[in-house]
Amino acid sequence: FRDAIEANKTTDARKFAQYMFEPRDLKVYDQLMKDPMKWLTRQDRQPVGRNEKELVTIALARLARSDVSVADSYLRREWGKSGDWSKSMAKSNLAWVRGQYALVAALNLDSRADDWYREAGHIRMTEYNAAWKVRAALRQPRIDWKWVIGSIEQMPAAQQADPS
């Protein structure tokens, strides 16, 4: 599901969502995919339960598609350590969101991509995202080779062997 979201395969993601969510949550999913910021700002309580937390995670990730700077500011303000809802989100979900911000930044050759990848850490990523993680690290003025090697070691063997 998240891989389809990352690849912007919204039709595939919607099909997965039909299996994951109850009909009520599916309507919410459709709303947040249309306008994630509008949906997020209308949330008046902390997410409860796996489905609600997943919906918030997806909405936070989708924010980056329109403006990664606005998305990051919102995430840090509302969902960061000092945010009101910081305790309601799993660190793994926030790490995935940061990985999505990093990917959008890397694709736009934004120098902040490496910082977001570092905030995400060595989490499970799609092969596509993992490749951009290494590229972002290699674009830094001062390359952290330990980080680059660690990032490559997280990749599947076939991807590690790919010279591109």
C-alpha atoms as a PDB file:
ATOM      1  CA  PHE A   1       0.000   0.000   0.000  1.00  0.00           C
ATOM      2  CA  ARG A   2       2.681   2.501   1.021  1.00  0.00           C
ATOM      3  CA  ASP A   3       4.822   1.562  -1.971  1.00  0.00           C
ATOM      4  CA  ALA A   4       1.905   2.431  -4.265  1.00  0.00           C
ATOM      5  CA  ILE A   5       1.418   5.727  -2.418  1.00  0.00           C
ATOM      6  CA  GLU A   6       5.119   6.510  -2.829  1.00  0.00           C
ATOM      7  CA  ALA A   7       5.050   5.745  -6.560  1.00  0.00           C
ATOM      8  CA  ASN A   8       1.923   7.915  -6.906  1.00  0.00           C
ATOM      9  CA  LYS A   9       0.018   4.916  -8.224  1.00  0.00           C
ATOM     10  CA  THR A  10      -3.198   6.198  -6.743  1.00  0.00           C
ATOM     11  CA  THR A  11      -5.436   3.671  -8.504  1.00  0.00           C
ATOM     12  CA  ASP A  12      -3.399   0.771  -7.111  1.00  0.00           C
ATOM     13  CA  ALA A  13      -3.270   2.404  -3.681  1.00  0.00           C
ATOM     14  CA  ARG A  14      -7.065   2.785  -3.706  1.00  0.00           C
ATOM     15  CA  LYS A  15      -7.441  -0.928  -4.471  1.00  0.00           C
ATOM     16  CA  PHE A  16      -5.196  -1.805  -1.527  1.00  0.00           C
ATOM     17  CA  ALA A  17      -7.117   0.647   0.647  1.00  0.00           C
ATOM     18  CA  GLN A  18     -10.351  -1.212  -0.102  1.00  0.00           C
ATOM     19  CA  TYR A  19      -8.870  -4.286   1.569  1.00  0.00           C
ATOM     20  CA  MET A  20      -7.329  -2.408   4.467  1.00  0.00           C
ATOM     21  CA  PHE A  21     -10.046  -0.018   5.551  1.00  0.00           C
ATOM     22  CA  GLU A  22     -13.686  -0.141   6.565  1.00  0.00           C
ATOM     23  CA  PRO A  23     -16.105   1.730   4.256  1.00  0.00           C
ATOM     24  CA  ARG A  24     -16.155   4.717   6.651  1.00  0.00           C
ATOM     25  CA  ASP A  25     -12.353   4.898   6.613  1.00  0.00           C
ATOM     26  CA  LEU A  26     -12.319   4.505   2.837  1.00  0.00           C
ATOM     27  CA  LYS A  27     -14.328   7.728   2.500  1.00  0.00           C
ATOM     28  CA  VAL A  28     -11.790   9.433   4.748  1.00  0.00           C
ATOM     29  CA  TYR A  29      -8.982   8.027   2.595  1.00  0.00           C
ATOM     30  CA  ASP A  30     -10.558   9.526  -0.529  1.00  0.00           C
ATOM     31  CA  GLN A  31     -10.837  12.927   1.183  1.00  0.00           C
ATOM     32  CA  LEU A  32      -7.245  13.003   2.354  1.00  0.00           C
ATOM     33  CA  MET A  33      -5.908  11.907  -1.022  1.00  0.00           C
ATOM     34  CA  LYS A  34      -7.754  14.820  -2.630  1.00  0.00           C
ATOM     35  CA  ASP A  35      -6.484  17.470  -0.164  1.00  0.00           C
ATOM     36  CA  PRO A  36      -4.286  16.159   2.658  1.00  0.00           C
ATOM     37  CA  MET A  37      -3.728  19.544   4.353  1.00  0.00           C
ATOM     38  CA  LYS A  38      -7.425  20.341   4.441  1.00  0.00           C
ATOM     39  CA  TRP A  39      -8.127  16.918   5.911  1.00  0.00           C
ATOM     40  CA  LEU A  40      -5.313  17.113   8.483  1.00  0.00           C
ATOM     41  CA  THR A  41      -6.246  20.573   9.740  1.00  0.00           C
ATOM     42  CA  ARG A  42      -9.811  19.418  10.332  1.00  0.00           C
ATOM     43  CA  GLN A  43      -8.726  16.632  12.655  1.00  0.00           C
ATOM     44  CA  ASP A  44      -9.793  17.624  16.140  1.00  0.00           C
ATOM     45  CA  ARG A  45      -8.344  14.725  18.074  1.00  0.00           C
ATOM     46  CA  GLN A  46      -5.385  12.435  18.192  1.00  0.00           C
ATOM     47  CA  PRO A  47      -5.647   9.413  15.921  1.00  0.00           C
ATOM     48  CA  VAL A  48      -6.734   6.250  17.677  1.00  0.00           C
ATOM     49  CA  GLY A  49      -6.313   2.783  16.275  1.00  0.00           C
ATOM     50  CA  ARG A  50      -4.280   1.367  13.433  1.00  0.00           C
ATOM     51  CA  ASN A  51      -6.509   2.653  10.619  1.00  0.00           C
ATOM     52  CA  GLU A  52      -6.645   6.249  11.835  1.00  0.00           C
ATOM     53  CA  LYS A  53      -2.895   6.325  12.394  1.00  0.00           C
ATOM     54  CA  GLU A  54      -2.274   4.930   8.916  1.00  0.00           C
ATOM     55  CA  LEU A  55      -4.580   7.532   7.376  1.00  0.00           C
ATOM     56  CA  VAL A  56      -2.740  10.343   9.172  1.00  0.00           C
ATOM     57  CA  THR A  57       0.602   8.878   8.066  1.00  0.00           C
ATOM     58  CA  ILE A  58      -0.516   8.805   4.429  1.00  0.00           C
ATOM     59  CA  ALA A  59      -1.886  12.359   4.634  1.00  0.00           C
ATOM     60  CA  LEU A  60       1.372  13.655   6.123  1.00  0.00           C
ATOM     61  CA  ALA A  61       3.353  11.957   3.363  1.00  0.00           C
ATOM     62  CA  ARG A  62       1.079  13.291   0.619  1.00  0.00           C
ATOM     63  CA  LEU A  63       1.617  16.858   1.803  1.00  0.00           C
ATOM     64  CA  ALA A  64       5.104  16.807   0.299  1.00  0.00           C
ATOM     65  CA  ARG A  65       3.720  16.355  -3.205  1.00  0.00           C
ATOM     66  CA  SER A  66       2.478  19.942  -3.271  1.00  0.00           C
ATOM     67  CA  ASP A  67       5.170  21.689  -1.185  1.00  0.00           C
ATOM     68  CA  VAL A  68       7.789  19.786   0.793  1.00  0.00           C
ATOM     69  CA  SER A  69       8.756  22.883   2.818  1.00  0.00           C
ATOM     70  CA  VAL A  70       5.187  23.488   3.972  1.00  0.00           C
ATOM     71  CA  ALA A  71       4.795  19.778   4.675  1.00  0.00           C
ATOM     72  CA  ASP A  72       7.940  19.671   6.793  1.00  0.00           C
ATOM     73  CA  SER A  73       6.970  22.804   8.736  1.00  0.00           C
ATOM     74  CA  TYR A  74       3.543  21.345   9.460  1.00  0.00           C
ATOM     75  CA  LEU A  75       5.005  17.989  10.473  1.00  0.00           C
ATOM     76  CA  ARG A  76       7.517  19.573  12.852  1.00  0.00           C
ATOM     77  CA  ARG A  77       4.961  21.945  14.355  1.00  0.00           C
ATOM     78  CA  GLU A  78       2.065  19.526  14.805  1.00  0.00           C
ATOM     79  CA  TRP A  79       3.669  16.094  14.913  1.00  0.00           C
ATOM     80  CA  GLY A  80       7.234  16.701  16.051  1.00  0.00           C
ATOM     81  CA  LYS A  81       8.539  16.295  19.581  1.00  0.00           C
ATOM     82  CA  SER A  82       6.939  19.528  20.723  1.00  0.00           C
ATOM     83  CA  GLY A  83       3.704  19.059  18.782  1.00  0.00           C
ATOM     84  CA  ASP A  84       0.457  18.248  20.544  1.00  0.00           C
ATOM     85  CA  TRP A  85       0.051  14.946  18.749  1.00  0.00           C
ATOM     86  CA  SER A  86       3.660  13.749  18.880  1.00  0.00           C
ATOM     87  CA  LYS A  87       2.932  10.875  21.260  1.00  0.00           C
ATOM     88  CA  SER A  88       0.152   9.465  19.101  1.00  0.00           C
ATOM     89  CA  MET A  89       2.343   8.597  16.112  1.00  0.00           C
ATOM     90  CA  ALA A  90       4.745   5.685  16.019  1.00  0.00           C
ATOM     91  CA  LYS A  91       8.349   6.629  15.307  1.00  0.00           C
ATOM     92  CA  SER A  92       8.325   4.189  12.394  1.00  0.00           C
ATOM     93  CA  ASN A  93       5.410   6.058  10.788  1.00  0.00           C
ATOM     94  CA  LEU A  94       7.137   9.411  11.200  1.00  0.00           C
ATOM     95  CA  ALA A  95      10.342   7.913   9.782  1.00  0.00           C
ATOM     96  CA  TRP A  96       8.443   6.722   6.700  1.00  0.00           C
ATOM     97  CA  VAL A  97       6.915  10.189   6.259  1.00  0.00           C
ATOM     98  CA  ARG A  98      10.374  11.757   6.442  1.00  0.00           C
ATOM     99  CA  GLY A  99      11.559   9.239   3.852  1.00  0.00           C
ATOM    100  CA  GLN A 100       8.778  10.447   1.566  1.00  0.00           C
ATOM    101  CA  TYR A 101       9.802  14.073   2.085  1.00  0.00           C
ATOM    102  CA  ALA A 102      13.379  13.074   1.319  1.00  0.00           C
ATOM    103  CA  LEU A 103      12.367  11.359  -1.915  1.00  0.00           C
ATOM    104  CA  VAL A 104      10.406  14.373  -3.149  1.00  0.00           C
ATOM    105  CA  ALA A 105      13.349  16.610  -2.256  1.00  0.00           C
ATOM    106  CA  ALA A 106      15.880  14.294  -3.923  1.00  0.00           C
ATOM    107  CA  LEU A 107      13.856  14.166  -7.137  1.00  0.00           C
ATOM    108  CA  ASN A 108      13.870  17.968  -7.155  1.00  0.00           C
ATOM    109  CA  LEU A 109      17.621  18.086  -6.416  1.00  0.00           C
ATOM    110  CA  ASP A 110      16.859  19.800  -3.102  1.00  0.00           C
ATOM    111  CA  SER A 111      19.930  19.708  -0.860  1.00  0.00           C
ATOM    112  CA  ARG A 112      17.734  19.014   2.200  1.00  0.00           C
ATOM    113  CA  ALA A 113      16.977  15.501   0.939  1.00  0.00           C
ATOM    114  CA  ASP A 114      19.969  14.004   2.735  1.00  0.00           C
ATOM    115  CA  ASP A 115      18.869  15.566   6.037  1.00  0.00           C
ATOM    116  CA  TRP A 116      15.396  14.040   5.719  1.00  0.00           C
ATOM    117  CA  TYR A 117      16.870  10.659   4.821  1.00  0.00           C
ATOM    118  CA  ARG A 118      19.041  10.839   7.932  1.00  0.00           C
ATOM    119  CA  GLU A 119      16.003  11.706  10.049  1.00  0.00           C
ATOM    120  CA  ALA A 120      14.230   8.687   8.574  1.00  0.00           C
ATOM    121  CA  GLY A 121      17.233   6.481   9.279  1.00  0.00           C
ATOM    122  CA  HIS A 122      17.912   3.097   7.755  1.00  0.00           C
ATOM    123  CA  ILE A 123      14.261   2.067   7.461  1.00  0.00           C
ATOM    124  CA  ARG A 124      12.700  -0.239   4.877  1.00  0.00           C
ATOM    125  CA  MET A 125      12.348   1.653   1.612  1.00  0.00           C
ATOM    126  CA  THR A 126      11.396   0.844  -1.923  1.00  0.00           C
ATOM    127  CA  GLU A 127      14.373   0.158  -4.161  1.00  0.00           C
ATOM    128  CA  TYR A 128      13.629   3.399  -5.975  1.00  0.00           C
ATOM    129  CA  ASN A 129      13.711   5.440  -2.770  1.00  0.00           C
ATOM    130  CA  ALA A 130      16.812   3.618  -1.494  1.00  0.00           C
ATOM    131  CA  ALA A 131      18.681   4.533  -4.681  1.00  0.00           C
ATOM    132  CA  TRP A 132      17.775   8.197  -4.270  1.00  0.00           C
ATOM    133  CA  LYS A 133      18.871   8.029  -0.640  1.00  0.00           C
ATOM    134  CA  VAL A 134      22.383   7.080  -1.773  1.00  0.00           C
ATOM    135  CA  ARG A 135      22.364   9.684  -4.553  1.00  0.00           C
ATOM    136  CA  ALA A 136      21.351  12.399  -2.079  1.00  0.00           C
ATOM    137  CA  ALA A 137      24.206  11.401   0.235  1.00  0.00           C
ATOM    138  CA  LEU A 138      26.693  11.438  -2.637  1.00  0.00           C
ATOM    139  CA  ARG A 139      25.619  14.963  -3.617  1.00  0.00           C
ATOM    140  CA  GLN A 140      26.697  16.410  -0.284  1.00  0.00           C
ATOM    141  CA  PRO A 141      29.741  18.708  -0.246  1.00  0.00           C
ATOM    142  CA  ARG A 142      31.289  16.447   2.360  1.00  0.00           C
ATOM    143  CA  ILE A 143      30.367  12.815   1.792  1.00  0.00           C
ATOM    144  CA  ASP A 144      29.734  10.662   4.853  1.00  0.00           C
ATOM    145  CA  TRP A 145      31.004   7.357   3.470  1.00  0.00           C
ATOM    146  CA  LYS A 146      29.868   5.400   6.525  1.00  0.00           C
ATOM    147  CA  TRP A 147      26.295   6.591   5.863  1.00  0.00           C
ATOM    148  CA  VAL A 148      26.585   5.810   2.138  1.00  0.00           C
ATOM    149  CA  ILE A 149      27.862   2.285   2.820  1.00  0.00           C
ATOM    150  CA  GLY A 150      25.178   1.714   5.468  1.00  0.00           C
ATOM    151  CA  SER A 151      22.523   2.869   3.007  1.00  0.00           C
ATOM    152  CA  ILE A 152      23.830   0.550   0.301  1.00  0.00           C
ATOM    153  CA  GLU A 153      23.933  -2.365   2.734  1.00  0.00           C
ATOM    154  CA  GLN A 154      20.195  -1.880   3.358  1.00  0.00           C
ATOM    155  CA  MET A 155      19.484  -2.553  -0.326  1.00  0.00           C
ATOM    156  CA  PRO A 156      18.719  -5.988  -1.779  1.00  0.00           C
ATOM    157  CA  ALA A 157      21.813  -7.741  -3.193  1.00  0.00           C
ATOM    158  CA  ALA A 158      20.793  -7.209  -6.830  1.00  0.00           C
ATOM    159  CA  GLN A 159      20.363  -3.493  -6.252  1.00  0.00           C
ATOM    160  CA  GLN A 160      23.700  -3.276  -4.431  1.00  0.00           C
ATOM    161  CA  ALA A 161      25.393  -4.775  -7.494  1.00  0.00           C
ATOM    162  CA  ASP A 162      23.749  -2.304  -9.892  1.00  0.00           C
ATOM    163  CA  PRO A 163      26.381   0.289 -10.906  1.00  0.00           C
ATOM    164  CA  SER A 164      23.824   3.026 -11.541  1.00  0.00           C
END
